[in-house]
Amino acid sequence: MDTFITNRIRKLRFEANEMTQHALAERVGVTRQTIIAIEAARYAPSLELAFRIARAFAKPLEDVFQYRADA
């Protein structure tokens, strides 16, 4: 069974006055490279980091990250 975590970070950054990856990274305490990898779905963030990212956009976790499991 494959699992996929997708996100809307890029769209949310644009909606947040075109927030840069660097600004988001500083706000949540990671590197810009980490944000790049998460946006590209090459890296799934820890639960704590996912909550920090959602909080940075003042959104519920489900509005930022989506989970899909394929049977």
N, C-alpha and C. Protein backbone atom coordinates (compact mmCIF):
# COMPACT_ATOMS: atom_id res chain seq x y z
N MET A 1 0.84 -1.18 0.00
CA MET A 1 0.00 0.00 0.00
C MET A 1 0.89 1.24 0.00
N ASP A 2 0.64 2.15 -0.93
CA ASP A 2 1.38 3.41 -1.01
C ASP A 2 0.62 4.50 -0.27
N THR A 3 1.37 5.38 0.37
CA THR A 3 0.74 6.53 1.02
C THR A 3 1.33 7.80 0.45
N PHE A 4 0.52 8.82 0.42
CA PHE A 4 0.94 10.08 -0.14
C PHE A 4 0.48 11.22 0.75
N ILE A 5 1.39 12.12 1.02
CA ILE A 5 1.05 13.35 1.73
C ILE A 5 1.29 14.48 0.74
N THR A 6 0.24 15.20 0.43
CA THR A 6 0.36 16.35 -0.46
C THR A 6 0.15 17.61 0.37
N ASN A 7 0.45 18.75 -0.22
CA ASN A 7 0.28 19.99 0.53
C ASN A 7 -0.07 21.14 -0.40
N ARG A 8 -0.54 22.21 0.22
CA ARG A 8 -0.91 23.43 -0.48
C ARG A 8 -0.01 24.60 -0.06
N ILE A 9 1.19 24.31 0.39
CA ILE A 9 2.07 25.34 0.93
C ILE A 9 2.37 26.43 -0.10
N ARG A 10 2.69 26.05 -1.30
CA ARG A 10 3.03 27.05 -2.31
C ARG A 10 1.86 28.01 -2.53
N LYS A 11 0.66 27.47 -2.67
CA LYS A 11 -0.54 28.30 -2.87
C LYS A 11 -0.78 29.20 -1.65
N LEU A 12 -0.62 28.64 -0.46
CA LEU A 12 -0.84 29.42 0.76
C LEU A 12 0.20 30.52 0.91
N ARG A 13 1.44 30.24 0.52
CA ARG A 13 2.46 31.29 0.57
C ARG A 13 2.09 32.45 -0.36
N PHE A 14 1.60 32.11 -1.55
CA PHE A 14 1.20 33.15 -2.49
C PHE A 14 0.05 33.98 -1.91
N GLU A 15 -0.91 33.30 -1.29
CA GLU A 15 -2.06 34.00 -0.70
C GLU A 15 -1.66 34.83 0.51
N ALA A 16 -0.55 34.51 1.13
CA ALA A 16 -0.07 35.25 2.31
C ALA A 16 0.93 36.32 1.88
N ASN A 17 0.46 37.21 0.99
CA ASN A 17 1.31 38.30 0.50
C ASN A 17 2.60 37.80 -0.13
N GLU A 18 2.50 36.68 -0.84
CA GLU A 18 3.64 36.09 -1.54
C GLU A 18 4.82 35.84 -0.60
N MET A 19 4.52 35.25 0.53
CA MET A 19 5.55 34.89 1.51
C MET A 19 6.63 34.04 0.83
N THR A 20 7.88 34.34 1.11
CA THR A 20 8.96 33.56 0.52
C THR A 20 9.16 32.25 1.28
N GLN A 21 9.83 31.32 0.63
CA GLN A 21 10.18 30.07 1.30
C GLN A 21 11.07 30.36 2.49
N HIS A 22 11.97 31.31 2.32
CA HIS A 22 12.88 31.68 3.41
C HIS A 22 12.11 32.23 4.61
N ALA A 23 11.13 33.10 4.36
CA ALA A 23 10.35 33.67 5.46
C ALA A 23 9.57 32.59 6.19
N LEU A 24 8.97 31.66 5.45
CA LEU A 24 8.24 30.56 6.09
C LEU A 24 9.20 29.70 6.90
N ALA A 25 10.35 29.39 6.32
CA ALA A 25 11.34 28.57 7.02
C ALA A 25 11.75 29.21 8.34
N GLU A 26 12.02 30.51 8.32
CA GLU A 26 12.39 31.21 9.56
C GLU A 26 11.26 31.17 10.57
N ARG A 27 10.04 31.34 10.10
CA ARG A 27 8.88 31.37 11.00
C ARG A 27 8.68 30.03 11.71
N VAL A 28 8.97 28.92 11.01
CA VAL A 28 8.70 27.60 11.60
C VAL A 28 9.97 26.91 12.11
N GLY A 29 11.13 27.55 11.93
CA GLY A 29 12.36 27.03 12.52
C GLY A 29 13.05 25.92 11.75
N VAL A 30 13.00 26.00 10.40
CA VAL A 30 13.72 25.03 9.58
C VAL A 30 14.48 25.79 8.50
N THR A 31 15.19 25.07 7.65
CA THR A 31 15.90 25.72 6.55
C THR A 31 14.99 25.88 5.34
N ARG A 32 15.39 26.77 4.47
CA ARG A 32 14.64 26.96 3.22
C ARG A 32 14.62 25.66 2.41
N GLN A 33 15.72 24.91 2.46
CA GLN A 33 15.80 23.65 1.72
C GLN A 33 14.74 22.66 2.22
N THR A 34 14.44 22.69 3.51
CA THR A 34 13.39 21.82 4.06
C THR A 34 12.04 22.21 3.50
N ILE A 35 11.76 23.49 3.43
CA ILE A 35 10.48 23.96 2.87
C ILE A 35 10.39 23.56 1.40
N ILE A 36 11.48 23.72 0.65
CA ILE A 36 11.50 23.32 -0.76
C ILE A 36 11.15 21.85 -0.90
N ALA A 37 11.77 21.00 -0.08
CA ALA A 37 11.53 19.56 -0.16
C ALA A 37 10.09 19.20 0.22
N ILE A 38 9.54 19.87 1.22
CA ILE A 38 8.16 19.60 1.63
C ILE A 38 7.20 20.03 0.51
N GLU A 39 7.41 21.22 -0.03
CA GLU A 39 6.55 21.71 -1.12
C GLU A 39 6.56 20.76 -2.30
N ALA A 40 7.70 20.20 -2.61
CA ALA A 40 7.85 19.30 -3.76
C ALA A 40 7.42 17.87 -3.44
N ALA A 41 6.94 17.64 -2.22
CA ALA A 41 6.51 16.30 -1.76
C ALA A 41 7.65 15.29 -1.79
N ARG A 42 8.88 15.78 -1.62
CA ARG A 42 10.04 14.88 -1.52
C ARG A 42 10.33 14.53 -0.06
N TYR A 43 9.67 15.24 0.85
CA TYR A 43 9.91 15.05 2.28
C TYR A 43 8.60 15.27 3.02
N ALA A 44 8.25 14.33 3.89
CA ALA A 44 7.05 14.48 4.72
C ALA A 44 7.49 15.06 6.06
N PRO A 45 6.92 16.18 6.45
CA PRO A 45 7.35 16.80 7.71
C PRO A 45 6.89 15.99 8.91
N SER A 46 7.57 16.19 10.03
CA SER A 46 7.10 15.60 11.28
C SER A 46 5.74 16.20 11.61
N LEU A 47 5.03 15.56 12.48
CA LEU A 47 3.73 16.07 12.88
C LEU A 47 3.87 17.45 13.52
N GLU A 48 4.89 17.61 14.35
CA GLU A 48 5.12 18.91 14.99
C GLU A 48 5.38 20.01 13.95
N LEU A 49 6.22 19.71 12.96
CA LEU A 49 6.51 20.70 11.93
C LEU A 49 5.27 20.99 11.08
N ALA A 50 4.49 19.98 10.80
CA ALA A 50 3.25 20.18 10.03
C ALA A 50 2.32 21.14 10.77
N PHE A 51 2.19 20.97 12.08
CA PHE A 51 1.36 21.88 12.86
C PHE A 51 1.94 23.29 12.87
N ARG A 52 3.26 23.42 12.96
CA ARG A 52 3.88 24.76 12.95
C ARG A 52 3.64 25.46 11.61
N ILE A 53 3.72 24.70 10.52
CA ILE A 53 3.46 25.28 9.20
C ILE A 53 2.01 25.72 9.10
N ALA A 54 1.09 24.86 9.53
CA ALA A 54 -0.33 25.23 9.49
C ALA A 54 -0.59 26.47 10.33
N ARG A 55 0.02 26.54 11.50
CA ARG A 55 -0.15 27.70 12.37
C ARG A 55 0.40 28.98 11.72
N ALA A 56 1.49 28.85 10.96
CA ALA A 56 2.06 30.02 10.29
C ALA A 56 1.08 30.64 9.30
N PHE A 57 0.20 29.82 8.77
CA PHE A 57 -0.82 30.31 7.84
C PHE A 57 -2.17 30.52 8.52
N ALA A 58 -2.24 30.27 9.83
CA ALA A 58 -3.50 30.37 10.58
C ALA A 58 -4.59 29.50 9.94
N LYS A 59 -4.20 28.28 9.59
CA LYS A 59 -5.11 27.33 8.95
C LYS A 59 -5.11 26.03 9.73
N PRO A 60 -6.22 25.27 9.66
CA PRO A 60 -6.21 23.93 10.24
C PRO A 60 -5.24 23.04 9.45
N LEU A 61 -4.70 22.06 10.09
CA LEU A 61 -3.74 21.14 9.46
C LEU A 61 -4.27 20.59 8.14
N GLU A 62 -5.56 20.23 8.11
CA GLU A 62 -6.15 19.62 6.92
C GLU A 62 -6.24 20.58 5.75
N ASP A 63 -6.17 21.88 6.00
CA ASP A 63 -6.18 22.85 4.91
C ASP A 63 -4.81 23.00 4.27
N VAL A 64 -3.78 22.53 4.96
CA VAL A 64 -2.42 22.64 4.45
C VAL A 64 -1.93 21.30 3.89
N PHE A 65 -2.19 20.22 4.62
CA PHE A 65 -1.72 18.89 4.23
C PHE A 65 -2.90 17.95 3.99
N GLN A 66 -2.74 17.10 2.98
CA GLN A 66 -3.74 16.09 2.68
C GLN A 66 -3.06 14.73 2.66
N TYR A 67 -3.76 13.74 3.14
CA TYR A 67 -3.23 12.38 3.22
C TYR A 67 -4.08 11.47 2.35
N ARG A 68 -3.43 10.66 1.55
CA ARG A 68 -4.14 9.70 0.72
C ARG A 68 -3.41 8.38 0.77
N ALA A 69 -4.14 7.32 1.01
CA ALA A 69 -3.57 5.97 0.99
C ALA A 69 -4.20 5.20 -0.15
N ASP A 70 -3.37 4.64 -0.99
CA ASP A 70 -3.86 3.82 -2.08
C ASP A 70 -3.72 2.35 -1.70
N ALA A 71 -4.81 1.65 -1.83
CA ALA A 71 -4.80 0.21 -1.48
C ALA A 71 -4.20 -0.59 -2.59
